[in-house]
N, C-alpha and C. Protein backbone atom coordinates (compact mmCIF):
# COMPACT_ATOMS: atom_id res chain seq x y z
N MET A 1 111.82 147.02 24.56
CA MET A 1 110.44 145.88 23.66
C MET A 1 109.08 146.38 24.22
N PHE A 2 108.74 146.54 25.29
CA PHE A 2 107.09 146.89 25.77
C PHE A 2 107.01 148.24 25.02
N LYS A 3 107.76 149.36 24.73
CA LYS A 3 107.77 150.46 24.15
C LYS A 3 106.96 150.19 22.69
N SER A 4 108.25 149.22 22.28
CA SER A 4 108.44 148.67 21.09
C SER A 4 106.69 147.74 20.20
N LEU A 5 106.42 147.38 21.20
CA LEU A 5 105.08 146.61 21.27
C LEU A 5 103.65 147.54 21.16
N ILE A 6 104.05 148.29 21.96
CA ILE A 6 102.51 149.68 21.97
C ILE A 6 102.87 149.79 20.60
N LYS A 7 103.74 150.74 20.38
CA LYS A 7 104.33 151.16 19.12
C LYS A 7 103.20 150.70 17.83
N ILE A 8 103.69 148.99 18.02
CA ILE A 8 103.48 148.10 16.91
C ILE A 8 101.63 148.20 17.31
N LEU A 9 100.96 148.28 18.09
CA LEU A 9 100.07 148.20 18.48
C LEU A 9 98.98 149.18 18.09
N SER A 10 99.70 150.31 18.36
CA SER A 10 99.21 152.02 17.98
C SER A 10 99.03 151.84 16.32
N ILE A 11 100.12 151.51 15.60
CA ILE A 11 99.98 151.64 14.23
C ILE A 11 99.04 150.44 14.02
N LEU A 12 98.61 149.43 14.08
CA LEU A 12 97.78 148.69 13.65
C LEU A 12 96.84 149.24 14.01
N LEU A 13 96.44 149.61 15.12
CA LEU A 13 95.10 150.11 15.34
C LEU A 13 94.63 151.64 14.50
N ILE A 14 95.54 152.30 14.27
CA ILE A 14 95.46 153.20 13.42
C ILE A 14 95.10 153.03 11.84
N VAL A 15 96.00 151.85 11.59
CA VAL A 15 95.61 151.29 10.09
C VAL A 15 94.24 150.67 10.07
N GLY A 16 93.86 150.16 11.19
CA GLY A 16 92.23 149.40 11.34
C GLY A 16 91.54 150.36 11.38
N LEU A 17 91.61 151.31 11.71
CA LEU A 17 90.27 152.75 12.11
C LEU A 17 90.02 153.03 10.55
N ASN A 18 91.29 153.51 9.93
CA ASN A 18 91.27 153.63 8.16
C ASN A 18 90.74 152.82 7.54
N TRP A 19 90.85 151.86 7.62
CA TRP A 19 90.44 150.76 6.78
C TRP A 19 88.76 150.96 7.00
N GLY A 20 88.42 150.71 8.49
CA GLY A 20 86.78 150.39 8.35
C GLY A 20 86.47 152.14 7.88
N GLY A 21 87.04 153.04 8.20
CA GLY A 21 86.58 153.88 7.56
C GLY A 21 85.96 154.48 6.23
N LEU A 22 87.24 153.71 5.30
CA LEU A 22 87.09 153.74 4.01
C LEU A 22 86.05 152.90 3.44
N SER A 23 86.01 151.54 4.40
CA SER A 23 85.19 150.83 3.67
C SER A 23 83.47 151.24 3.65
N ALA A 24 83.54 152.08 4.93
CA ALA A 24 82.10 152.46 5.23
C ALA A 24 81.69 153.74 3.91
N ILE A 25 82.91 154.17 3.58
CA ILE A 25 82.35 155.47 2.26
C ILE A 25 82.13 154.49 1.33
N SER A 26 82.92 153.50 0.87
CA SER A 26 82.84 152.85 -0.48
C SER A 26 81.50 152.37 -0.53
N SER A 27 80.82 152.12 0.44
CA SER A 27 79.53 151.65 0.27
C SER A 27 78.38 152.64 0.39
N THR A 28 78.55 153.92 0.49
CA THR A 28 77.74 155.00 1.13
C THR A 28 77.31 155.00 -0.57
N ILE A 29 75.84 155.44 -0.48
CA ILE A 29 75.31 155.91 -2.01
C ILE A 29 74.82 157.18 -2.09
N ALA A 30 75.51 158.16 -2.78
CA ALA A 30 74.96 159.40 -2.67
C ALA A 30 75.18 160.22 -4.01
N TYR A 31 74.12 160.92 -4.38
CA TYR A 31 74.19 161.56 -6.03
C TYR A 31 73.30 162.74 -5.79
N PHE A 32 73.37 163.41 -6.98
CA PHE A 32 72.67 164.78 -7.04
C PHE A 32 71.21 164.46 -8.01
N ASN A 33 70.04 164.94 -7.73
CA ASN A 33 69.15 164.91 -8.16
C ASN A 33 68.17 166.05 -8.80
N ASP A 34 67.51 166.23 -9.71
CA ASP A 34 66.62 167.59 -9.86
C ASP A 34 65.93 167.05 -11.14
N GLN A 35 64.35 167.69 -10.87
CA GLN A 35 63.44 167.29 -11.89
C GLN A 35 63.12 168.54 -11.85
N GLU A 36 62.62 168.72 -13.18
CA GLU A 36 61.63 170.25 -13.37
C GLU A 36 60.30 169.61 -14.48
N GLY A 37 59.19 170.64 -14.55
CA GLY A 37 57.88 170.58 -15.13
C GLY A 37 57.43 171.35 -16.01
N TYR A 38 56.80 171.42 -17.11
CA TYR A 38 56.07 172.12 -17.45
C TYR A 38 54.89 172.05 -17.72
N GLN A 39 53.59 172.83 -17.36
CA GLN A 39 52.40 172.30 -17.33
C GLN A 39 51.84 172.48 -18.69
N SER A 40 52.51 173.77 -19.49
CA SER A 40 51.64 173.97 -20.82
C SER A 40 52.12 173.85 -21.86
N ASN A 41 52.02 172.29 -22.09
CA ASN A 41 52.52 171.48 -23.46
C ASN A 41 51.35 170.92 -24.07
N ALA A 42 51.31 170.93 -25.46
CA ALA A 42 50.15 170.19 -26.35
C ALA A 42 50.23 169.74 -27.67
N ILE A 43 50.15 168.73 -27.61
CA ILE A 43 50.59 168.02 -29.34
C ILE A 43 49.39 167.76 -30.29
N VAL A 44 49.80 168.60 -30.97
CA VAL A 44 48.41 168.91 -32.54
C VAL A 44 48.59 167.98 -33.35
N THR A 45 47.88 167.60 -33.68
CA THR A 45 47.54 166.15 -34.79
C THR A 45 46.68 166.83 -35.65
N ALA A 46 47.42 166.40 -37.27
CA ALA A 46 46.64 167.26 -38.13
C ALA A 46 45.88 166.08 -38.76
N THR A 47 44.71 166.29 -39.28
CA THR A 47 43.63 165.38 -40.06
C THR A 47 43.45 165.74 -41.60
N LEU A 48 43.23 164.40 -42.07
CA LEU A 48 42.62 164.27 -43.30
C LEU A 48 41.11 164.08 -43.24
N ASP A 49 40.32 165.03 -43.52
CA ASP A 49 38.79 164.51 -43.74
C ASP A 49 38.15 165.60 -44.25
N PHE A 50 37.12 164.54 -45.27
CA PHE A 50 36.17 165.48 -46.18
C PHE A 50 34.70 164.82 -46.29
N HIS A 51 33.42 165.47 -46.77
CA HIS A 51 32.61 164.57 -46.52
C HIS A 51 31.84 165.05 -48.06
N LEU A 52 30.77 164.32 -48.48
CA LEU A 52 30.05 164.35 -49.53
C LEU A 52 28.89 165.14 -49.24
N THR A 53 28.00 166.11 -50.04
CA THR A 53 26.94 166.58 -50.13
C THR A 53 26.18 166.51 -51.60
N SER A 54 24.86 166.23 -51.38
CA SER A 54 24.35 166.21 -53.06
C SER A 54 22.68 166.69 -52.56
N ALA A 55 21.88 167.80 -53.30
CA ALA A 55 20.68 167.96 -52.97
C ALA A 55 19.87 166.38 -53.42
N SER A 56 20.25 165.94 -54.49
CA SER A 56 19.29 164.86 -55.13
C SER A 56 20.32 164.15 -55.65
N ASP A 57 19.10 162.74 -56.04
CA ASP A 57 19.80 161.65 -56.97
C ASP A 57 19.97 162.36 -58.46
N PHE A 58 20.23 161.34 -59.31
CA PHE A 58 19.76 161.60 -61.00
C PHE A 58 18.53 161.87 -61.27
N SER A 59 18.32 162.80 -61.54
CA SER A 59 16.70 163.42 -61.89
C SER A 59 16.87 164.10 -63.73
N PRO A 60 15.94 163.65 -64.17
CA PRO A 60 14.77 163.45 -64.25
C PRO A 60 15.00 161.73 -64.84
N GLU A 61 13.80 161.06 -65.48
CA GLU A 61 14.30 159.96 -65.99
C GLU A 61 14.92 159.98 -67.19
N VAL A 62 15.84 159.18 -67.40
CA VAL A 62 16.60 158.87 -68.93
C VAL A 62 15.90 158.41 -70.32
N THR A 63 15.56 159.15 -70.81
CA THR A 63 15.36 158.61 -72.30
C THR A 63 16.22 158.96 -73.36
N PRO A 64 15.95 158.18 -74.68
CA PRO A 64 17.18 158.77 -75.95
C PRO A 64 16.77 160.55 -76.01
N THR A 65 16.15 161.24 -75.96
CA THR A 65 15.95 162.38 -75.88
C THR A 65 16.11 163.53 -74.52
N GLN A 66 15.96 162.52 -73.26
CA GLN A 66 16.17 163.41 -72.17
C GLN A 66 17.28 162.77 -71.05
N THR A 67 18.08 163.63 -70.70
CA THR A 67 19.44 163.65 -69.56
C THR A 67 18.97 163.70 -68.29
N ALA A 68 19.72 163.44 -67.64
CA ALA A 68 19.41 163.10 -66.30
C ALA A 68 20.88 163.71 -65.75
N SER A 69 20.90 164.45 -64.56
CA SER A 69 22.14 164.77 -63.97
C SER A 69 21.69 164.91 -62.06
N ARG A 70 22.91 165.06 -61.92
CA ARG A 70 23.48 165.24 -60.67
C ARG A 70 24.59 166.19 -60.13
N THR A 71 24.54 166.91 -59.10
CA THR A 71 25.50 167.63 -58.33
C THR A 71 26.19 166.82 -57.22
N ILE A 72 27.12 166.68 -57.39
CA ILE A 72 27.89 166.29 -55.73
C ILE A 72 29.41 166.96 -55.47
N SER A 73 29.13 167.40 -54.11
CA SER A 73 30.32 168.87 -53.60
C SER A 73 31.05 167.81 -52.79
N LEU A 74 32.04 168.23 -52.71
CA LEU A 74 33.08 167.67 -51.42
C LEU A 74 33.25 169.05 -50.67
N VAL A 75 33.48 168.80 -49.51
CA VAL A 75 33.36 169.65 -48.50
C VAL A 75 34.55 169.42 -47.43
N ASN A 76 35.79 170.03 -46.94
CA ASN A 76 37.34 169.95 -46.46
C ASN A 76 36.68 169.73 -44.83
N ASP A 77 36.93 169.09 -43.88
CA ASP A 77 36.78 169.13 -42.47
C ASP A 77 38.02 168.54 -41.94
N GLY A 78 38.98 168.51 -42.42
CA GLY A 78 40.77 168.29 -41.73
C GLY A 78 41.30 169.42 -42.07
N SER A 79 42.03 169.62 -41.53
CA SER A 79 43.33 170.63 -41.71
C SER A 79 44.90 170.41 -42.76
N LEU A 80 44.69 169.03 -43.46
CA LEU A 80 45.27 168.88 -44.42
C LEU A 80 45.01 169.04 -45.75
N GLY A 81 46.07 169.68 -46.52
CA GLY A 81 45.90 169.41 -48.24
C GLY A 81 46.24 167.95 -48.56
N PHE A 82 45.07 167.48 -49.98
CA PHE A 82 44.78 166.44 -50.18
C PHE A 82 44.81 166.75 -51.92
N ARG A 83 45.17 165.51 -52.36
CA ARG A 83 44.77 165.00 -53.72
C ARG A 83 43.57 164.00 -53.87
N TYR A 84 42.65 163.94 -54.85
CA TYR A 84 42.16 162.82 -54.41
C TYR A 84 41.61 162.16 -55.98
N GLN A 85 41.02 160.97 -56.16
CA GLN A 85 40.55 160.38 -57.48
C GLN A 85 38.92 160.01 -57.21
N VAL A 86 38.48 160.27 -58.21
CA VAL A 86 37.01 159.27 -57.97
C VAL A 86 36.46 158.40 -59.27
N ARG A 87 35.96 157.47 -58.89
CA ARG A 87 35.74 156.41 -59.92
C ARG A 87 34.40 155.81 -59.58
N LEU A 88 33.51 155.20 -60.27
CA LEU A 88 32.73 154.47 -59.90
C LEU A 88 32.75 153.08 -59.68
N GLU A 89 31.98 152.20 -58.98
CA GLU A 89 32.19 151.11 -58.46
C GLU A 89 30.75 150.34 -58.06
N GLN A 90 30.72 148.75 -57.77
CA GLN A 90 29.51 148.22 -57.45
C GLN A 90 28.37 148.57 -58.24
N PHE A 91 28.24 148.15 -59.78
CA PHE A 91 27.25 148.59 -60.53
C PHE A 91 25.98 147.25 -60.32
N SER A 92 25.11 147.58 -60.14
CA SER A 92 23.57 146.60 -60.15
C SER A 92 22.68 147.02 -60.57
N GLY A 93 21.40 146.18 -60.37
CA GLY A 93 20.13 146.37 -61.38
C GLY A 93 20.55 146.13 -62.83
N ASP A 94 20.05 146.63 -63.88
CA ASP A 94 19.86 146.59 -65.02
C ASP A 94 21.57 147.08 -65.48
N LEU A 95 22.29 145.68 -65.66
CA LEU A 95 23.43 145.86 -66.17
C LEU A 95 23.77 146.41 -67.70
N ASP A 96 22.43 146.11 -68.54
CA ASP A 96 22.68 146.54 -69.84
C ASP A 96 22.23 148.01 -69.96
N LEU A 97 21.62 148.66 -69.12
CA LEU A 97 21.59 149.77 -68.92
C LEU A 97 22.80 150.27 -68.19
N CYS A 98 23.18 150.33 -67.45
CA CYS A 98 24.47 150.80 -67.03
C CYS A 98 25.50 150.63 -68.13
N ASN A 99 25.66 149.85 -69.04
CA ASN A 99 26.72 149.61 -69.92
C ASN A 99 25.99 150.40 -71.24
N ALA A 100 24.81 150.88 -71.52
CA ALA A 100 24.65 151.94 -72.37
C ALA A 100 24.44 153.07 -72.16
N LEU A 101 24.67 153.53 -70.72
CA LEU A 101 24.40 154.66 -70.39
C LEU A 101 26.03 155.34 -70.77
N ASP A 102 25.95 156.89 -70.96
CA ASP A 102 27.21 158.15 -71.15
C ASP A 102 27.15 158.88 -70.02
N LEU A 103 28.32 158.92 -69.80
CA LEU A 103 28.35 160.08 -68.77
C LEU A 103 29.09 160.77 -69.48
N VAL A 104 29.00 162.21 -68.54
CA VAL A 104 29.63 163.73 -69.07
C VAL A 104 29.90 164.52 -67.60
N ALA A 105 31.02 164.63 -67.18
CA ALA A 105 31.60 165.19 -65.94
C ALA A 105 32.13 166.45 -66.13
N ASN A 106 31.74 167.70 -65.28
CA ASN A 106 32.70 168.68 -65.29
C ASN A 106 32.48 169.07 -63.97
N LEU A 107 33.57 169.67 -63.31
CA LEU A 107 34.33 170.14 -62.21
C LEU A 107 33.72 171.76 -62.05
N ASP A 108 33.21 172.16 -61.17
CA ASP A 108 33.15 173.72 -60.78
C ASP A 108 32.55 174.56 -61.96
N GLY A 109 31.69 173.97 -62.47
CA GLY A 109 31.04 174.23 -63.76
C GLY A 109 31.88 174.90 -65.00
N GLY A 110 33.30 174.42 -64.94
CA GLY A 110 33.88 174.54 -65.97
C GLY A 110 34.26 173.79 -67.20
N ALA A 111 35.40 173.59 -67.85
CA ALA A 111 35.73 172.89 -69.15
C ALA A 111 34.98 171.21 -68.39
N VAL A 112 34.47 170.34 -69.82
CA VAL A 112 34.37 169.17 -69.56
C VAL A 112 35.51 168.39 -69.30
N GLU A 113 35.71 167.60 -68.13
CA GLU A 113 36.72 166.74 -67.84
C GLU A 113 36.46 165.55 -68.28
N TYR A 114 35.53 164.78 -68.51
CA TYR A 114 35.30 163.25 -68.86
C TYR A 114 33.93 163.50 -69.66
N THR A 115 34.17 162.62 -70.90
CA THR A 115 32.92 162.39 -71.57
C THR A 115 33.43 160.75 -71.98
N GLY A 116 32.39 159.76 -71.99
CA GLY A 116 32.04 158.54 -72.40
C GLY A 116 31.64 157.85 -71.42
N ASP A 117 31.58 156.36 -71.75
CA ASP A 117 31.00 155.50 -70.98
C ASP A 117 31.00 155.55 -69.77
N LEU A 118 29.54 155.27 -69.15
CA LEU A 118 29.46 155.41 -67.42
C LEU A 118 29.93 154.44 -66.59
N THR A 119 30.28 153.11 -67.10
CA THR A 119 30.90 152.56 -66.36
C THR A 119 32.47 152.41 -66.19
N ALA A 120 33.14 153.37 -67.55
CA ALA A 120 34.14 153.51 -67.43
C ALA A 120 34.76 154.56 -67.01
N PHE A 121 34.06 155.23 -66.43
CA PHE A 121 34.52 156.60 -65.72
C PHE A 121 35.31 156.55 -64.20
N SER A 122 36.65 157.21 -64.30
CA SER A 122 37.67 157.16 -63.51
C SER A 122 38.36 158.20 -63.82
N TYR A 123 38.81 159.20 -63.01
CA TYR A 123 38.85 160.52 -62.92
C TYR A 123 40.24 161.10 -61.63
N ASP A 124 41.23 161.38 -62.13
CA ASP A 124 42.24 162.10 -61.20
C ASP A 124 42.25 163.59 -61.19
N PRO A 125 41.40 164.58 -60.38
CA PRO A 125 41.66 165.88 -60.71
C PRO A 125 42.89 166.50 -60.29
N GLY A 126 43.33 165.72 -59.29
CA GLY A 126 44.74 166.36 -58.73
C GLY A 126 44.51 167.18 -57.30
N GLU A 127 45.06 168.18 -56.86
CA GLU A 127 44.75 168.37 -55.91
C GLU A 127 43.56 169.15 -55.53
N PHE A 128 42.90 169.05 -54.26
CA PHE A 128 41.84 169.67 -53.75
C PHE A 128 41.83 170.88 -53.86
N SER A 129 40.66 171.57 -54.32
CA SER A 129 40.54 172.99 -53.64
C SER A 129 39.31 173.54 -52.83
N ASP A 130 39.27 173.73 -51.88
CA ASP A 130 37.89 173.64 -51.13
C ASP A 130 36.80 174.97 -51.46
N PRO A 131 35.54 174.95 -51.85
CA PRO A 131 34.88 173.59 -52.08
C PRO A 131 35.06 173.22 -53.37
N GLU A 132 34.57 171.86 -53.84
CA GLU A 132 34.72 171.70 -55.11
C GLU A 132 33.14 171.03 -55.53
N SER A 133 32.76 170.99 -56.67
CA SER A 133 31.29 170.93 -57.11
C SER A 133 31.41 169.97 -58.57
N TRP A 134 31.21 168.55 -58.28
CA TRP A 134 30.99 167.95 -59.57
C TRP A 134 29.72 168.18 -60.23
N GLN A 135 29.32 168.20 -61.58
CA GLN A 135 28.17 167.95 -62.25
C GLN A 135 28.48 166.54 -63.06
N PHE A 136 27.38 165.80 -62.93
CA PHE A 136 27.26 164.71 -63.52
C PHE A 136 26.17 164.73 -64.53
N THR A 137 26.18 164.34 -66.11
CA THR A 137 24.83 164.08 -66.71
C THR A 137 24.89 162.66 -66.97
N ALA A 138 24.18 162.14 -67.17
CA ALA A 138 23.87 160.79 -67.97
C ALA A 138 23.02 160.65 -69.18
N SER A 139 23.24 160.03 -69.87
CA SER A 139 22.62 160.30 -71.55
C SER A 139 22.42 158.53 -71.90
N LEU A 140 21.88 158.52 -72.48
CA LEU A 140 21.23 157.64 -73.66
C LEU A 140 21.26 157.67 -74.91
N PRO A 141 22.22 156.67 -76.13
CA PRO A 141 21.99 157.19 -77.16
C PRO A 141 20.83 157.23 -78.11
N SER A 142 20.67 158.14 -78.97
CA SER A 142 19.42 158.33 -79.60
C SER A 142 18.62 156.82 -80.31
N ASP A 143 19.51 155.89 -80.71
CA ASP A 143 19.01 154.55 -81.04
C ASP A 143 18.98 153.36 -79.97
N ALA A 144 18.87 154.25 -78.57
CA ALA A 144 18.60 153.02 -77.39
C ALA A 144 17.87 151.78 -77.84
N ALA A 145 17.73 150.93 -76.82
CA ALA A 145 16.75 149.51 -77.44
C ALA A 145 15.97 150.03 -76.78
N ARG A 146 14.45 149.70 -76.83
CA ARG A 146 13.08 150.04 -76.05
C ARG A 146 13.56 148.69 -74.70
N SER A 147 14.10 147.97 -75.05
CA SER A 147 14.40 146.76 -73.77
C SER A 147 14.94 147.62 -72.69
N LEU A 148 15.16 148.87 -72.67
CA LEU A 148 15.98 149.85 -71.72
C LEU A 148 15.04 150.47 -71.02
N GLU A 149 13.60 150.39 -71.60
CA GLU A 149 12.53 151.04 -70.75
C GLU A 149 12.23 150.73 -69.59
N ASN A 150 12.24 151.53 -68.63
CA ASN A 150 11.83 151.56 -67.04
C ASN A 150 12.88 150.79 -66.35
N LYS A 151 14.20 150.89 -66.82
CA LYS A 151 14.54 150.26 -66.08
C LYS A 151 15.62 150.81 -64.96
N THR A 152 16.79 150.28 -64.22
CA THR A 152 17.57 151.19 -63.25
C THR A 152 18.64 150.57 -62.86
N CYS A 153 19.79 151.69 -62.76
CA CYS A 153 21.13 151.15 -62.92
C CYS A 153 21.49 151.90 -61.37
N ASN A 154 22.23 150.94 -60.98
CA ASN A 154 22.25 151.32 -59.38
C ASN A 154 24.39 151.61 -59.54
N PHE A 155 24.67 152.33 -58.92
CA PHE A 155 26.63 152.16 -58.68
C PHE A 155 26.67 153.29 -57.52
N LYS A 156 27.85 153.30 -57.28
CA LYS A 156 28.67 154.36 -56.34
C LYS A 156 29.32 154.90 -56.73
N PHE A 157 29.77 156.20 -56.77
CA PHE A 157 30.96 157.30 -56.70
C PHE A 157 31.56 156.89 -55.53
N ILE A 158 33.07 156.77 -55.73
CA ILE A 158 34.10 156.23 -54.90
C ILE A 158 35.05 157.77 -55.08
N PHE A 159 35.08 158.40 -53.88
CA PHE A 159 36.12 159.29 -53.80
C PHE A 159 37.30 159.18 -53.01
N GLU A 160 38.44 158.97 -53.37
CA GLU A 160 39.36 158.75 -52.50
C GLU A 160 40.79 160.05 -52.06
N ALA A 161 40.68 160.04 -51.24
CA ALA A 161 42.12 161.18 -50.83
C ALA A 161 42.99 160.58 -50.47
N ILE A 162 44.64 161.31 -50.80
CA ILE A 162 45.48 160.87 -50.08
C ILE A 162 46.43 162.31 -49.73
N GLN A 163 47.07 162.56 -48.42
CA GLN A 163 47.77 163.54 -48.35
C GLN A 163 48.73 164.30 -49.32
N LEU A 164 48.97 165.07 -49.17
CA LEU A 164 50.01 166.33 -49.52
C LEU A 164 51.25 165.91 -49.45
N GLY A 165 52.24 165.96 -49.84
CA GLY A 165 53.36 166.16 -49.69
C GLY A 165 54.66 164.96 -49.23
N GLU A 166 55.61 164.95 -48.80
CA GLU A 166 56.66 163.93 -48.83
C GLU A 166 56.16 162.81 -47.62
N CYS A 167 55.69 163.24 -47.01
CA CYS A 167 54.86 162.33 -45.48
C CYS A 167 53.65 161.77 -45.80
N VAL A 168 53.62 160.83 -46.73
CA VAL A 168 51.94 160.78 -46.97
C VAL A 168 51.74 159.44 -46.12
N GLY A 169 50.84 159.86 -45.13
CA GLY A 169 50.24 158.77 -44.17
C GLY A 169 48.88 158.88 -44.08
N PHE A 170 48.12 159.98 -44.21
CA PHE A 170 47.22 159.84 -43.81
C PHE A 170 45.91 160.15 -45.31
N SER A 171 44.80 159.48 -45.09
CA SER A 171 44.13 159.30 -46.46
C SER A 171 42.51 158.99 -45.95
N ASP A 172 41.60 159.47 -46.91
CA ASP A 172 40.20 159.14 -46.42
C ASP A 172 39.56 158.95 -47.66
N VAL A 173 38.60 157.89 -47.45
CA VAL A 173 37.91 157.58 -48.54
C VAL A 173 36.07 157.92 -48.05
N GLU A 174 35.50 158.36 -49.38
CA GLU A 174 33.95 158.84 -49.06
C GLU A 174 33.20 157.96 -50.13
N GLU A 175 32.27 157.83 -50.08
CA GLU A 175 31.18 157.27 -51.15
C GLU A 175 29.74 157.62 -51.14
N ILE A 176 28.98 157.49 -52.23
CA ILE A 176 27.82 157.44 -52.31
C ILE A 176 27.25 157.14 -53.21
N ASP A 177 25.80 156.50 -52.77
CA ASP A 177 24.72 155.79 -53.72
C ASP A 177 24.34 156.77 -54.60
N ASN A 178 24.00 155.97 -55.94
CA ASN A 178 23.32 156.36 -57.18
C ASN A 178 22.36 155.72 -57.71
N THR A 179 21.20 156.37 -58.27
CA THR A 179 20.05 155.51 -59.14
C THR A 179 20.25 156.35 -59.92
N ILE A 180 19.99 155.47 -61.34
CA ILE A 180 19.64 156.26 -63.10
C ILE A 180 18.44 155.38 -63.24
N THR A 181 17.26 155.78 -63.41
CA THR A 181 16.40 155.16 -63.97
C THR A 181 15.94 155.85 -65.42
N THR A 182 15.22 154.49 -66.20
CA THR A 182 14.57 155.40 -67.42
C THR A 182 13.14 155.20 -67.33
N GLY A 183 12.87 156.21 -68.50
CA GLY A 183 11.13 156.03 -68.45
C GLY A 183 10.89 155.29 -69.58
N LYS A 184 9.80 155.84 -70.50
CA LYS A 184 9.20 155.22 -71.55
C LYS A 184 9.37 155.97 -72.97
N TRP A 185 9.65 155.57 -73.83
CA TRP A 185 10.02 156.57 -75.05
C TRP A 185 9.20 155.72 -76.32
N PRO A 186 8.74 156.94 -77.39
CA PRO A 186 8.03 156.27 -78.29
C PRO A 186 8.80 155.51 -79.48
N SER A 187 8.55 154.74 -80.49
CA SER A 187 9.09 153.71 -81.27
C SER A 187 9.62 154.70 -82.29
N GLU A 188 8.89 155.98 -82.88
CA GLU A 188 9.71 156.84 -83.41
C GLU A 188 9.21 157.94 -83.04
N LEU A 189 10.22 158.91 -82.93
CA LEU A 189 10.63 160.42 -82.56
C LEU A 189 10.07 161.57 -83.98
N PRO A 190 9.27 162.37 -83.24
CA PRO A 190 8.27 163.13 -84.41
C PRO A 190 9.52 163.66 -85.09
N LYS A 191 9.28 164.05 -86.40
CA LYS A 191 9.95 164.41 -87.24
C LYS A 191 10.18 166.18 -87.46
N LEU A 192 8.69 166.37 -87.48
CA LEU A 192 8.39 168.16 -87.61
C LEU A 192 7.22 168.38 -86.20
N VAL A 193 7.79 169.38 -85.70
CA VAL A 193 6.90 169.93 -84.79
C VAL A 193 6.60 171.09 -84.63
N ILE A 194 5.52 171.75 -84.48
CA ILE A 194 5.26 173.15 -83.92
C ILE A 194 5.95 173.53 -82.76
N ASN A 195 6.90 174.32 -82.90
CA ASN A 195 7.62 175.03 -81.94
C ASN A 195 7.19 176.40 -81.41
N LYS A 196 6.64 177.05 -82.03
CA LYS A 196 6.31 178.48 -81.46
C LYS A 196 5.20 178.95 -82.58
N VAL A 197 4.14 179.24 -81.57
CA VAL A 197 3.12 180.22 -82.35
C VAL A 197 2.85 181.51 -81.75
N TYR A 198 2.88 182.72 -82.42
CA TYR A 198 3.08 184.17 -82.21
C TYR A 198 1.36 184.73 -82.89
N TYR A 199 0.45 184.40 -81.99
CA TYR A 199 -0.41 185.05 -82.73
C TYR A 199 -1.71 186.07 -82.27
N ASP A 200 -0.89 186.55 -81.24
CA ASP A 200 -1.81 187.67 -80.85
C ASP A 200 -0.37 189.01 -80.75
N VAL A 201 -0.45 189.58 -82.26
CA VAL A 201 0.58 190.89 -81.97
C VAL A 201 0.80 191.75 -80.92
N ASP A 202 1.28 192.45 -80.00
CA ASP A 202 1.22 193.78 -79.30
C ASP A 202 1.99 195.06 -80.03
N ALA A 203 1.55 196.26 -79.58
CA ALA A 203 1.62 197.38 -80.46
C ALA A 203 3.01 197.28 -80.77
N ARG A 204 3.87 196.59 -79.80
CA ARG A 204 5.52 197.28 -80.25
C ARG A 204 6.10 196.32 -81.50
N HIS A 205 5.37 195.04 -82.02
CA HIS A 205 5.71 194.21 -82.44
C HIS A 205 5.02 194.17 -83.92
N GLY A 206 4.39 195.37 -84.39
CA GLY A 206 3.80 195.35 -85.19
C GLY A 206 2.37 195.32 -85.36
N SER A 207 1.36 194.91 -86.36
CA SER A 207 -0.17 194.79 -86.34
C SER A 207 -0.17 193.54 -86.74
N GLN A 208 -1.55 192.92 -86.72
CA GLN A 208 -1.99 192.09 -87.06
C GLN A 208 -3.00 191.88 -88.53
N PRO A 209 -2.72 191.06 -89.16
CA PRO A 209 -2.27 189.76 -89.07
C PRO A 209 -0.89 189.64 -89.74
N ALA A 210 -0.14 190.84 -89.98
CA ALA A 210 1.04 190.66 -90.80
C ALA A 210 2.08 190.31 -89.92
N ASN A 211 2.04 190.27 -88.88
CA ASN A 211 3.19 189.57 -87.79
C ASN A 211 2.72 188.55 -86.83
N GLU A 212 1.85 187.79 -87.37
CA GLU A 212 1.41 186.78 -86.65
C GLU A 212 2.31 185.24 -87.54
N TRP A 213 2.42 184.55 -86.55
CA TRP A 213 3.27 183.38 -87.19
C TRP A 213 3.56 182.11 -86.38
N VAL A 214 3.98 181.40 -86.84
CA VAL A 214 4.12 179.40 -86.60
C VAL A 214 5.38 178.96 -86.97
N GLU A 215 6.32 178.68 -85.88
CA GLU A 215 7.52 178.37 -86.43
C GLU A 215 7.29 176.94 -86.22
N LEU A 216 7.83 176.06 -87.20
CA LEU A 216 8.07 174.82 -87.48
C LEU A 216 9.91 174.49 -86.92
N TYR A 217 9.71 173.01 -86.29
CA TYR A 217 11.16 172.63 -86.18
C TYR A 217 11.48 171.32 -86.33
N ASN A 218 12.33 170.82 -87.63
CA ASN A 218 12.70 169.90 -88.24
C ASN A 218 13.95 169.25 -86.84
N ASN A 219 13.36 168.05 -86.28
CA ASN A 219 14.35 167.51 -85.35
C ASN A 219 15.03 166.44 -85.88
N THR A 220 15.31 166.45 -87.40
CA THR A 220 16.03 165.37 -88.01
C THR A 220 17.45 166.19 -88.71
N ASP A 221 18.61 164.91 -89.48
CA ASP A 221 19.64 165.94 -90.14
C ASP A 221 19.19 166.06 -91.67
N ALA A 222 17.81 165.76 -91.85
CA ALA A 222 17.35 165.44 -93.16
C ALA A 222 16.43 166.48 -93.69
N ALA A 223 16.49 167.15 -94.75
CA ALA A 223 15.53 168.09 -95.64
C ALA A 223 14.00 167.16 -95.50
N ILE A 224 12.67 168.36 -94.79
CA ILE A 224 11.43 167.59 -94.86
C ILE A 224 10.77 168.38 -95.88
N ASP A 225 10.09 167.89 -96.82
CA ASP A 225 9.17 168.72 -97.67
C ASP A 225 7.77 169.30 -96.92
N ILE A 226 7.72 170.19 -97.07
CA ILE A 226 6.44 170.93 -96.46
C ILE A 226 5.37 171.62 -97.18
N ASN A 227 5.57 170.96 -98.52
CA ASN A 227 4.25 171.66 -99.45
C ASN A 227 2.93 171.18 -99.27
N ASP A 228 2.31 171.76 -99.51
CA ASP A 228 0.78 171.49 -99.49
C ASP A 228 0.45 171.43 -97.51
């Protein structure tokens, strides 16, 4: 009887110790961890950026017989290719003059890209190829009203660029102010003018007076009688 009791107590003690040990293990936090680093990392962001350059505004003064011109160049400052559009906005000054002016636009001295009303100018040259230069020429019709004399037309060229490719996210817009002024013109243009005079012939071109001459120029579309 006494031995049996001791056996039972021994078994209970062993079970209790094992249970306590298992409980201690279940509450232990243990894990493996490692962390590595590398310092030579860089993130490079592409850019879309360009600027406009121009030596001077439109000059000289416009008349029915005199045009005014200006050159505007685009220079790429970014790393992305782009396409762009150019248009005119924000007209002010004498709007009658703005509406009367015509514009001719050439790109890089090539073929004429646009001919038409100044106020209607809008053009999409497509993909940009650095550098690009636009040559703009403004003119008045030959029958322009004298009320347009000594007037000013102000406006802006707007150049708007969009990134090339499927992921179109970058863009840039640049603008440049412009002023076109008119001078004064005669009420009636001269019809016949002395264009050249050759009065002092040198040895290579014959002898005087046989080779002395005057060139007359008719700046109309009609024949002019110069008898007498």
